[in-house]
């Protein structure tokens, strides 16, 4: 079973993969712990902007920690930035493991071989390129590919060792599962598929931390970097 924690904002018990852990620094500063590795007592909040802001506003952190707490004014923005960085860092691990296709031709070849686990498209890439790949996927596999489009070509390039990356596709199921969980947490702070993209690309298992039925069951906990790196 998935290990559950209680959200201090809503009171709901949820799987850790849908929550963000926060730790208290020695000086009383509240610190987001997106990898859930910092020492000491922690508290958990649902992975979305509204819940974090409510926990600050209603004093949920201080009550749960039973100590004075200093929460940064931009706490939710900090969490979003850390989650985005984590997602990009994990993409870098897929490259080093040889578990990602990069570039239009490699992605096209991957789609022809099997249904895409996750298609990664630069938010500022040309529409015709990504639509060509989606049409190919629909033609071959009768459904759109699960798609992430919340990073720029420059951000993807930095993560994947290139100047810019427009198209990529995850190839290894375990890594795709883990990445989908992290993208699900990020979806509480930003749109995973831009609003101007086709509606049919939404609701494909990447808008929540369950990772969706297409990617089978999510890991029992938030995926560790070591598990991700092993690809097993």
C-alpha atoms as a PDB file:
ATOM      1  CA  UNK A   1       0.000   0.000   0.000  1.00  0.00           C
ATOM      2  CA  UNK A   2       1.031   3.593  -0.532  1.00  0.00           C
ATOM      3  CA  UNK A   3       2.216   5.262   2.675  1.00  0.00           C
ATOM      4  CA  UNK A   4      -0.156   8.058   3.614  1.00  0.00           C
ATOM      5  CA  UNK A   5       0.338  11.302   5.518  1.00  0.00           C
ATOM      6  CA  UNK A   6      -2.116  13.900   6.785  1.00  0.00           C
ATOM      7  CA  UNK A   7      -2.188  17.218   4.964  1.00  0.00           C
ATOM      8  CA  UNK A   8      -1.995  20.010   7.568  1.00  0.00           C
ATOM      9  CA  UNK A   9      -4.064  22.295   5.330  1.00  0.00           C
ATOM     10  CA  UNK A  10      -7.019  20.046   4.510  1.00  0.00           C
ATOM     11  CA  UNK A  11      -6.826  17.318   7.163  1.00  0.00           C
ATOM     12  CA  UNK A  12      -7.003  14.660   4.441  1.00  0.00           C
ATOM     13  CA  UNK A  13      -4.796  11.577   4.521  1.00  0.00           C
ATOM     14  CA  UNK A  14      -3.123  11.199   1.145  1.00  0.00           C
ATOM     15  CA  UNK A  15      -0.275   9.165  -0.401  1.00  0.00           C
ATOM     16  CA  UNK A  16       3.110  10.834   0.020  1.00  0.00           C
ATOM     17  CA  UNK A  17       3.319  11.107  -3.786  1.00  0.00           C
ATOM     18  CA  UNK A  18       0.550  13.725  -3.632  1.00  0.00           C
ATOM     19  CA  UNK A  19       2.143  15.772  -0.857  1.00  0.00           C
ATOM     20  CA  UNK A  20       5.098  18.041  -0.147  1.00  0.00           C
ATOM     21  CA  UNK A  21       7.134  17.589   3.024  1.00  0.00           C
ATOM     22  CA  UNK A  22       8.312  20.657   4.953  1.00  0.00           C
ATOM     23  CA  UNK A  23      11.031  20.708   7.602  1.00  0.00           C
ATOM     24  CA  UNK A  24      11.921  23.291  10.216  1.00  0.00           C
ATOM     25  CA  UNK A  25      15.434  24.763  10.144  1.00  0.00           C
ATOM     26  CA  UNK A  26      17.216  25.473  13.464  1.00  0.00           C
ATOM     27  CA  UNK A  27      16.444  29.191  13.099  1.00  0.00           C
ATOM     28  CA  UNK A  28      12.700  28.480  12.759  1.00  0.00           C
ATOM     29  CA  UNK A  29      12.564  28.941   8.984  1.00  0.00           C
ATOM     30  CA  UNK A  30      10.184  26.611   7.151  1.00  0.00           C
ATOM     31  CA  UNK A  31      12.009  24.725   4.382  1.00  0.00           C
ATOM     32  CA  UNK A  32      10.372  22.800   1.499  1.00  0.00           C
ATOM     33  CA  UNK A  33      11.749  19.259   1.368  1.00  0.00           C
ATOM     34  CA  UNK A  34      10.555  18.018  -2.027  1.00  0.00           C
ATOM     35  CA  UNK A  35      12.816  14.945  -1.906  1.00  0.00           C
ATOM     36  CA  UNK A  36      11.624  14.109   1.650  1.00  0.00           C
ATOM     37  CA  UNK A  37      15.202  13.596   2.871  1.00  0.00           C
ATOM     38  CA  UNK A  38      15.882  16.401   5.365  1.00  0.00           C
ATOM     39  CA  UNK A  39      16.401  15.312   8.988  1.00  0.00           C
ATOM     40  CA  UNK A  40      14.075  16.107  11.848  1.00  0.00           C
ATOM     41  CA  UNK A  41      10.352  16.273  12.196  1.00  0.00           C
ATOM     42  CA  UNK A  42       8.415  17.219   9.099  1.00  0.00           C
ATOM     43  CA  UNK A  43       4.895  18.160   8.115  1.00  0.00           C
ATOM     44  CA  UNK A  44       3.084  17.396   4.906  1.00  0.00           C
ATOM     45  CA  UNK A  45       0.858  19.522   2.678  1.00  0.00           C
ATOM     46  CA  UNK A  46      -1.039  18.677  -0.497  1.00  0.00           C
ATOM     47  CA  UNK A  47       1.030  19.471  -3.552  1.00  0.00           C
ATOM     48  CA  UNK A  48      -0.815  22.532  -4.789  1.00  0.00           C
ATOM     49  CA  UNK A  49      -0.495  26.253  -4.355  1.00  0.00           C
ATOM     50  CA  UNK A  50      -3.838  26.761  -2.610  1.00  0.00           C
ATOM     51  CA  UNK A  51      -3.112  24.199   0.119  1.00  0.00           C
ATOM     52  CA  UNK A  52       0.328  25.609   0.894  1.00  0.00           C
ATOM     53  CA  UNK A  53      -0.988  29.158   1.087  1.00  0.00           C
ATOM     54  CA  UNK A  54      -3.853  27.996   3.331  1.00  0.00           C
ATOM     55  CA  UNK A  55      -1.444  26.190   5.654  1.00  0.00           C
ATOM     56  CA  UNK A  56       0.557  29.390   6.068  1.00  0.00           C
ATOM     57  CA  UNK A  57      -2.489  31.610   6.457  1.00  0.00           C
ATOM     58  CA  UNK A  58      -4.213  29.394   9.031  1.00  0.00           C
ATOM     59  CA  UNK A  59      -1.123  28.542  11.070  1.00  0.00           C
ATOM     60  CA  UNK A  60      -1.171  24.861  10.189  1.00  0.00           C
ATOM     61  CA  UNK A  61       2.601  24.539  10.103  1.00  0.00           C
ATOM     62  CA  UNK A  62       3.112  25.970  13.579  1.00  0.00           C
ATOM     63  CA  UNK A  63       0.322  23.841  15.083  1.00  0.00           C
ATOM     64  CA  UNK A  64       1.674  20.621  13.600  1.00  0.00           C
ATOM     65  CA  UNK A  65       5.286  21.341  14.463  1.00  0.00           C
ATOM     66  CA  UNK A  66       4.375  22.702  17.910  1.00  0.00           C
ATOM     67  CA  UNK A  67       6.957  25.448  17.471  1.00  0.00           C
ATOM     68  CA  UNK A  68       7.202  29.015  16.165  1.00  0.00           C
ATOM     69  CA  UNK A  69       7.532  28.983  12.381  1.00  0.00           C
ATOM     70  CA  UNK A  70       8.777  31.583   9.908  1.00  0.00           C
ATOM     71  CA  UNK A  71       7.271  30.883   6.507  1.00  0.00           C
ATOM     72  CA  UNK A  72       8.714  32.776   3.505  1.00  0.00           C
ATOM     73  CA  UNK A  73       6.159  34.971   1.750  1.00  0.00           C
ATOM     74  CA  UNK A  74       6.899  33.212  -1.536  1.00  0.00           C
ATOM     75  CA  UNK A  75       6.770  29.674  -0.101  1.00  0.00           C
ATOM     76  CA  UNK A  76       4.504  28.280  -2.833  1.00  0.00           C
ATOM     77  CA  UNK A  77       6.744  29.814  -5.510  1.00  0.00           C
ATOM     78  CA  UNK A  78       9.749  28.173  -3.857  1.00  0.00           C
ATOM     79  CA  UNK A  79       8.018  24.804  -3.966  1.00  0.00           C
ATOM     80  CA  UNK A  80       7.128  25.216  -7.633  1.00  0.00           C
ATOM     81  CA  UNK A  81      10.715  26.106  -8.521  1.00  0.00           C
ATOM     82  CA  UNK A  82      12.086  23.143  -6.562  1.00  0.00           C
ATOM     83  CA  UNK A  83       9.636  20.718  -8.152  1.00  0.00           C
ATOM     84  CA  UNK A  84      10.437  22.028 -11.630  1.00  0.00           C
ATOM     85  CA  UNK A  85      14.160  21.664 -10.921  1.00  0.00           C
ATOM     86  CA  UNK A  86      13.604  18.122  -9.652  1.00  0.00           C
ATOM     87  CA  UNK A  87      11.673  17.167 -12.782  1.00  0.00           C
ATOM     88  CA  UNK A  88      14.424  18.530 -15.022  1.00  0.00           C
ATOM     89  CA  UNK A  89      17.161  16.852 -12.973  1.00  0.00           C
ATOM     90  CA  UNK A  90      15.357  13.531 -13.276  1.00  0.00           C
ATOM     91  CA  UNK A  91      15.189  14.006 -17.050  1.00  0.00           C
ATOM     92  CA  UNK A  92      18.954  14.308 -16.954  1.00  0.00           C
ATOM     93  CA  UNK A  93      19.107  10.939 -15.199  1.00  0.00           C
ATOM     94  CA  UNK A  94      17.039   9.354 -17.987  1.00  0.00           C
ATOM     95  CA  UNK A  95      19.568  10.638 -20.519  1.00  0.00           C
ATOM     96  CA  UNK A  96      22.485   9.185 -18.604  1.00  0.00           C
ATOM     97  CA  UNK A  97      20.616   5.875 -18.372  1.00  0.00           C
ATOM     98  CA  UNK A  98      19.920   5.878 -22.130  1.00  0.00           C
ATOM     99  CA  UNK A  99      16.196   5.862 -21.384  1.00  0.00           C
ATOM    100  CA  UNK A 100      15.033   8.840 -23.435  1.00  0.00           C
ATOM    101  CA  UNK A 101      14.759   9.610 -27.149  1.00  0.00           C
ATOM    102  CA  UNK A 102      15.800  13.158 -28.037  1.00  0.00           C
ATOM    103  CA  UNK A 103      14.972  15.020 -31.249  1.00  0.00           C
ATOM    104  CA  UNK A 104      12.202  14.634 -33.806  1.00  0.00           C
ATOM    105  CA  UNK A 105      13.678  11.622 -35.633  1.00  0.00           C
ATOM    106  CA  UNK A 106      14.497   9.641 -32.507  1.00  0.00           C
ATOM    107  CA  UNK A 107      11.061  10.364 -31.061  1.00  0.00           C
ATOM    108  CA  UNK A 108       9.370   9.366 -34.315  1.00  0.00           C
ATOM    109  CA  UNK A 109      11.304   6.087 -34.348  1.00  0.00           C
ATOM    110  CA  UNK A 110      10.328   5.457 -30.711  1.00  0.00           C
ATOM    111  CA  UNK A 111       6.641   6.070 -31.432  1.00  0.00           C
ATOM    112  CA  UNK A 112       6.732   3.688 -34.391  1.00  0.00           C
ATOM    113  CA  UNK A 113       8.193   1.000 -32.135  1.00  0.00           C
ATOM    114  CA  UNK A 114       5.675   1.248 -29.274  1.00  0.00           C
ATOM    115  CA  UNK A 115       3.124   3.620 -27.685  1.00  0.00           C
ATOM    116  CA  UNK A 116       4.851   6.561 -26.025  1.00  0.00           C
ATOM    117  CA  UNK A 117       5.189   6.372 -22.244  1.00  0.00           C
ATOM    118  CA  UNK A 118       5.546  10.149 -21.989  1.00  0.00           C
ATOM    119  CA  UNK A 119       6.066  12.619 -24.820  1.00  0.00           C
ATOM    120  CA  UNK A 120       7.955  15.740 -23.710  1.00  0.00           C
ATOM    121  CA  UNK A 121       7.426  18.834 -25.870  1.00  0.00           C
ATOM    122  CA  UNK A 122       9.018  22.251 -25.423  1.00  0.00           C
ATOM    123  CA  UNK A 123       6.427  24.859 -24.504  1.00  0.00           C
ATOM    124  CA  UNK A 124       7.944  27.248 -27.047  1.00  0.00           C
ATOM    125  CA  UNK A 125       8.411  24.717 -29.847  1.00  0.00           C
ATOM    126  CA  UNK A 126       6.641  25.041 -33.194  1.00  0.00           C
ATOM    127  CA  UNK A 127       3.113  23.654 -33.218  1.00  0.00           C
ATOM    128  CA  UNK A 128       3.518  21.773 -36.492  1.00  0.00           C
ATOM    129  CA  UNK A 129       6.358  19.620 -35.146  1.00  0.00           C
ATOM    130  CA  UNK A 130       4.582  18.400 -32.029  1.00  0.00           C
ATOM    131  CA  UNK A 131       1.293  17.983 -33.901  1.00  0.00           C
ATOM    132  CA  UNK A 132       3.036  15.795 -36.490  1.00  0.00           C
ATOM    133  CA  UNK A 133       4.294  13.484 -33.744  1.00  0.00           C
ATOM    134  CA  UNK A 134       0.894  13.360 -32.042  1.00  0.00           C
ATOM    135  CA  UNK A 135      -0.849  12.582 -35.337  1.00  0.00           C
ATOM    136  CA  UNK A 136       1.621   9.759 -35.913  1.00  0.00           C
ATOM    137  CA  UNK A 137       0.925   8.408 -32.422  1.00  0.00           C
ATOM    138  CA  UNK A 138      -2.842   8.597 -32.879  1.00  0.00           C
ATOM    139  CA  UNK A 139      -2.607   6.982 -36.311  1.00  0.00           C
ATOM    140  CA  UNK A 140      -0.536   4.073 -35.020  1.00  0.00           C
ATOM    141  CA  UNK A 141      -1.933   3.600 -31.519  1.00  0.00           C
ATOM    142  CA  UNK A 142      -5.417   5.179 -31.725  1.00  0.00           C
ATOM    143  CA  UNK A 143      -4.862   7.624 -28.861  1.00  0.00           C
ATOM    144  CA  UNK A 144      -2.807  10.740 -28.124  1.00  0.00           C
ATOM    145  CA  UNK A 145       0.459  10.247 -26.269  1.00  0.00           C
ATOM    146  CA  UNK A 146       0.632  11.354 -22.608  1.00  0.00           C
ATOM    147  CA  UNK A 147       2.259  14.752 -23.023  1.00  0.00           C
ATOM    148  CA  UNK A 148       4.204  17.227 -20.885  1.00  0.00           C
ATOM    149  CA  UNK A 149       4.688  20.739 -22.248  1.00  0.00           C
ATOM    150  CA  UNK A 150       5.586  22.912 -19.256  1.00  0.00           C
ATOM    151  CA  UNK A 151       9.301  23.459 -19.923  1.00  0.00           C
ATOM    152  CA  UNK A 152      11.003  25.620 -22.529  1.00  0.00           C
ATOM    153  CA  UNK A 153      13.407  24.305 -25.145  1.00  0.00           C
ATOM    154  CA  UNK A 154      16.285  25.938 -23.275  1.00  0.00           C
ATOM    155  CA  UNK A 155      15.286  24.308 -19.965  1.00  0.00           C
ATOM    156  CA  UNK A 156      14.987  20.901 -21.616  1.00  0.00           C
ATOM    157  CA  UNK A 157      18.281  21.421 -23.399  1.00  0.00           C
ATOM    158  CA  UNK A 158      20.105  22.245 -20.180  1.00  0.00           C
ATOM    159  CA  UNK A 159      18.676  19.105 -18.536  1.00  0.00           C
ATOM    160  CA  UNK A 160      19.506  16.879 -21.503  1.00  0.00           C
ATOM    161  CA  UNK A 161      22.945  18.171 -22.421  1.00  0.00           C
ATOM    162  CA  UNK A 162      21.948  20.099 -25.529  1.00  0.00           C
ATOM    163  CA  UNK A 163      21.574  23.776 -26.402  1.00  0.00           C
ATOM    164  CA  UNK A 164      17.842  23.304 -26.981  1.00  0.00           C
ATOM    165  CA  UNK A 165      15.498  20.326 -27.035  1.00  0.00           C
ATOM    166  CA  UNK A 166      12.084  20.533 -28.688  1.00  0.00           C
ATOM    167  CA  UNK A 167      10.967  16.884 -28.670  1.00  0.00           C
ATOM    168  CA  UNK A 168      11.780  13.989 -26.337  1.00  0.00           C
ATOM    169  CA  UNK A 169      10.162  10.719 -25.317  1.00  0.00           C
ATOM    170  CA  UNK A 170      10.726   8.605 -22.207  1.00  0.00           C
ATOM    171  CA  UNK A 171      11.517   4.994 -23.065  1.00  0.00           C
ATOM    172  CA  UNK A 172      11.800   3.111 -19.767  1.00  0.00           C
ATOM    173  CA  UNK A 173       8.597   2.325 -17.882  1.00  0.00           C
ATOM    174  CA  UNK A 174       9.884   2.583 -14.308  1.00  0.00           C
ATOM    175  CA  UNK A 175      11.520   5.939 -15.009  1.00  0.00           C
ATOM    176  CA  UNK A 176       8.394   7.151 -16.784  1.00  0.00           C
ATOM    177  CA  UNK A 177       6.322   6.181 -13.731  1.00  0.00           C
ATOM    178  CA  UNK A 178       8.601   8.080 -11.393  1.00  0.00           C
ATOM    179  CA  UNK A 179       8.693  11.135 -13.615  1.00  0.00           C
ATOM    180  CA  UNK A 180       4.908  11.125 -13.976  1.00  0.00           C
ATOM    181  CA  UNK A 181       4.579  11.255 -10.179  1.00  0.00           C
ATOM    182  CA  UNK A 182       6.854  14.300  -9.985  1.00  0.00           C
ATOM    183  CA  UNK A 183       5.043  15.988 -12.885  1.00  0.00           C
ATOM    184  CA  UNK A 184       1.796  15.253 -11.065  1.00  0.00           C
ATOM    185  CA  UNK A 185       3.065  17.151  -8.028  1.00  0.00           C
ATOM    186  CA  UNK A 186       4.163  20.038 -10.245  1.00  0.00           C
ATOM    187  CA  UNK A 187       0.687  20.161 -11.831  1.00  0.00           C
ATOM    188  CA  UNK A 188      -0.620  21.726  -8.615  1.00  0.00           C
ATOM    189  CA  UNK A 189       1.398  24.843  -9.443  1.00  0.00           C
ATOM    190  CA  UNK A 190       1.466  25.150 -13.238  1.00  0.00           C
ATOM    191  CA  UNK A 191      -0.330  23.819 -16.294  1.00  0.00           C
ATOM    192  CA  UNK A 192       1.409  20.687 -17.581  1.00  0.00           C
ATOM    193  CA  UNK A 193      -0.041  21.187 -21.055  1.00  0.00           C
ATOM    194  CA  UNK A 194      -0.362  24.835 -22.179  1.00  0.00           C
ATOM    195  CA  UNK A 195      -3.908  26.096 -22.541  1.00  0.00           C
ATOM    196  CA  UNK A 196      -3.407  26.851 -26.237  1.00  0.00           C
ATOM    197  CA  UNK A 197      -2.638  23.193 -27.054  1.00  0.00           C
ATOM    198  CA  UNK A 198      -5.422  20.759 -28.100  1.00  0.00           C
ATOM    199  CA  UNK A 199      -7.808  19.679 -25.362  1.00  0.00           C
ATOM    200  CA  UNK A 200      -7.360  16.034 -26.411  1.00  0.00           C
ATOM    201  CA  UNK A 201      -3.814  16.127 -25.020  1.00  0.00           C
ATOM    202  CA  UNK A 202      -5.115  16.607 -21.478  1.00  0.00           C
ATOM    203  CA  UNK A 203      -6.427  14.020 -19.023  1.00  0.00           C
ATOM    204  CA  UNK A 204      -3.920  11.378 -20.140  1.00  0.00           C
ATOM    205  CA  UNK A 205      -2.597  10.354 -16.736  1.00  0.00           C
ATOM    206  CA  UNK A 206      -0.132  13.195 -16.138  1.00  0.00           C
ATOM    207  CA  UNK A 207      -2.324  15.718 -14.357  1.00  0.00           C
ATOM    208  CA  UNK A 208      -2.274  13.990 -10.990  1.00  0.00           C
ATOM    209  CA  UNK A 209       0.192  12.217  -8.765  1.00  0.00           C
ATOM    210  CA  UNK A 210      -1.372   8.789  -9.380  1.00  0.00           C
ATOM    211  CA  UNK A 211       0.517   8.747 -12.682  1.00  0.00           C
ATOM    212  CA  UNK A 212      -2.586   7.423 -14.382  1.00  0.00           C
ATOM    213  CA  UNK A 213      -3.614   3.913 -15.433  1.00  0.00           C
ATOM    214  CA  UNK A 214      -1.541   4.102 -18.625  1.00  0.00           C
ATOM    215  CA  UNK A 215       1.660   4.013 -16.576  1.00  0.00           C
ATOM    216  CA  UNK A 216       0.471   1.303 -14.169  1.00  0.00           C
ATOM    217  CA  UNK A 217       0.727   1.778 -10.404  1.00  0.00           C
ATOM    218  CA  UNK A 218       2.805   4.631  -9.057  1.00  0.00           C
ATOM    219  CA  UNK A 219       5.817   3.824  -6.866  1.00  0.00           C
ATOM    220  CA  UNK A 220       5.015   3.147  -3.220  1.00  0.00           C
ATOM    221  CA  UNK A 221       6.627   6.438  -2.225  1.00  0.00           C
ATOM    222  CA  UNK A 222       7.941   9.507  -3.979  1.00  0.00           C
ATOM    223  CA  UNK A 223      10.583   8.051  -6.291  1.00  0.00           C
ATOM    224  CA  UNK A 224      14.103   8.388  -4.944  1.00  0.00           C
ATOM    225  CA  UNK A 225      16.955   9.600  -7.119  1.00  0.00           C
ATOM    226  CA  UNK A 226      18.746   6.262  -6.618  1.00  0.00           C
ATOM    227  CA  UNK A 227      15.740   4.268  -7.782  1.00  0.00           C
ATOM    228  CA  UNK A 228      15.309   6.583 -10.746  1.00  0.00           C
ATOM    229  CA  UNK A 229      18.975   6.322 -11.686  1.00  0.00           C
ATOM    230  CA  UNK A 230      18.912   2.527 -11.601  1.00  0.00           C
ATOM    231  CA  UNK A 231      15.989   2.305 -14.008  1.00  0.00           C
ATOM    232  CA  UNK A 232      14.766  -0.758 -12.161  1.00  0.00           C
END
